[in-house]
Amino acid sequence: MSADDYGYLSTYTNHRCRCVECRKANAEYHRISKIRRAGRPVPEHLHGSAGTYGNYGCRCRPCTDAWEAQLRRTPGRRKGRTRRRILLRTLTVLSPFPSTSKPLSA
């Protein structure tokens, strides 16, 4: 791939590139998609799922219950990511060596 290929959703998706530019393109695409979905009415067959709560912003009782149930099922996974980020930040801040002042890769 040439340098011109980076920074596109297609490069992120098809070539599995995870450089900063491609990750920004993917995040922007999903941000716009979420805004677009939030403006639409929720299809009736999707009510009662955690995805509808997160993707469409539906706060009806069945969707809220599904979202809370999903959070109860996966607390460790989320907690582990947060702890790893905090540890990496701590290591970066406390490092006495200038050469290791960059965050360690997870």
Protein backbone atom coordinates (compact mmCIF):
# COMPACT_ATOMS: atom_id res chain seq x y z
CA MET A 1 0.00 0.00 0.00
CA SER A 2 1.16 3.50 -0.72
CA ALA A 3 1.04 6.41 1.71
CA ASP A 4 -2.06 7.71 -0.12
CA ASP A 5 -4.05 4.62 0.91
CA TYR A 6 -4.13 5.48 4.60
CA GLY A 7 -6.87 7.40 6.38
CA TYR A 8 -9.84 5.69 4.72
CA LEU A 9 -12.56 3.45 6.06
CA SER A 10 -11.88 0.94 3.28
CA THR A 11 -8.24 0.61 4.35
CA TYR A 12 -9.32 0.07 7.96
CA THR A 13 -11.91 -2.53 6.94
CA ASN A 14 -10.38 -4.36 3.99
CA HIS A 15 -6.68 -4.21 4.86
CA ARG A 16 -7.16 -4.26 8.64
CA CYS A 17 -4.92 -1.22 9.03
CA ARG A 18 -5.00 0.22 12.54
CA CYS A 19 -2.86 3.31 12.06
CA VAL A 20 -4.06 6.56 13.61
CA GLU A 21 -5.46 7.93 10.34
CA CYS A 22 -7.46 4.79 9.51
CA ARG A 23 -8.80 4.51 13.06
CA LYS A 24 -9.97 8.13 12.85
CA ALA A 25 -11.74 7.40 9.55
CA ASN A 26 -13.48 4.38 11.10
CA ALA A 27 -14.51 6.36 14.20
CA GLU A 28 -15.89 9.19 12.05
CA TYR A 29 -17.91 6.76 9.93
CA HIS A 30 -19.45 5.14 13.01
CA ARG A 31 -20.10 8.51 14.66
CA ILE A 32 -22.03 9.70 11.59
CA SER A 33 -23.89 6.38 11.33
CA LYS A 34 -24.98 6.63 14.95
CA ILE A 35 -26.24 10.19 14.45
CA ARG A 36 -28.14 9.09 11.36
CA ARG A 37 -29.75 6.16 13.21
CA ALA A 38 -30.68 8.35 16.18
CA GLY A 39 -32.79 10.53 13.92
CA ARG A 40 -34.87 7.61 12.66
CA PRO A 41 -37.70 5.85 14.44
CA VAL A 42 -36.69 2.51 15.90
CA PRO A 43 -38.03 -0.47 13.93
CA GLU A 44 -40.54 -2.32 16.11
CA HIS A 45 -38.79 -5.69 15.77
CA LEU A 46 -35.59 -4.28 17.31
CA HIS A 47 -37.10 -3.17 20.62
CA GLY A 48 -35.88 -5.00 23.68
CA SER A 49 -32.25 -5.37 22.65
CA ALA A 50 -29.08 -3.79 23.99
CA GLY A 51 -28.12 -2.82 20.45
CA THR A 52 -31.21 -0.66 20.10
CA TYR A 53 -30.34 1.11 23.34
CA GLY A 54 -26.79 1.80 22.16
CA ASN A 55 -27.25 2.30 18.41
CA TYR A 56 -30.59 4.08 18.23
CA GLY A 57 -30.60 5.73 21.64
CA CYS A 58 -33.92 4.12 22.53
CA ARG A 59 -34.67 4.43 26.25
CA CYS A 60 -37.90 2.47 26.44
CA ARG A 61 -38.18 0.02 29.34
CA PRO A 62 -37.44 -3.19 27.33
CA CYS A 63 -34.34 -1.68 25.68
CA THR A 64 -33.06 -0.26 28.98
CA ASP A 65 -33.55 -3.62 30.69
CA ALA A 66 -31.66 -5.40 27.89
CA TRP A 67 -28.78 -2.89 28.13
CA GLU A 68 -28.52 -3.32 31.90
CA ALA A 69 -28.60 -7.11 31.55
CA GLN A 70 -25.76 -6.94 29.03
CA LEU A 71 -23.70 -4.77 31.37
CA ARG A 72 -24.24 -7.26 34.20
CA ARG A 73 -23.06 -10.13 31.96
CA THR A 74 -19.78 -8.48 30.93
CA PRO A 75 -18.50 -6.33 33.80
CA GLY A 76 -15.05 -7.94 33.97
CA ARG A 77 -14.20 -7.29 30.36
CA ARG A 78 -14.94 -3.59 30.64
CA LYS A 79 -13.25 -3.30 34.01
CA GLY A 80 -10.12 -5.03 32.69
CA ARG A 81 -9.73 -2.56 29.83
CA THR A 82 -10.12 0.39 32.15
CA ARG A 83 -7.58 -0.99 34.62
CA ARG A 84 -5.09 -1.62 31.80
CA ARG A 85 -5.48 1.97 30.53
CA ILE A 86 -4.99 3.38 34.03
CA LEU A 87 -1.92 1.20 34.56
CA LEU A 88 -0.41 2.33 31.25
CA ARG A 89 -1.04 5.99 32.11
CA THR A 90 0.50 5.48 35.53
CA LEU A 91 3.57 3.81 34.05
CA THR A 92 3.94 6.66 31.59
CA VAL A 93 3.66 9.35 34.24
CA LEU A 94 5.89 7.66 36.83
CA SER A 95 8.66 6.58 34.49
CA PRO A 96 11.96 8.14 35.59
CA PHE A 97 13.60 7.48 32.22
CA PRO A 98 12.96 9.95 29.37
CA SER A 99 13.32 7.20 26.76
CA THR A 100 10.38 5.26 28.23
CA SER A 101 8.01 8.19 28.56
CA LYS A 102 5.81 6.80 25.77
CA PRO A 103 2.90 4.54 26.78
CA LEU A 104 3.58 0.83 26.54
CA SER A 105 1.49 -1.04 23.93
CA ALA A 106 -1.23 -3.25 25.38
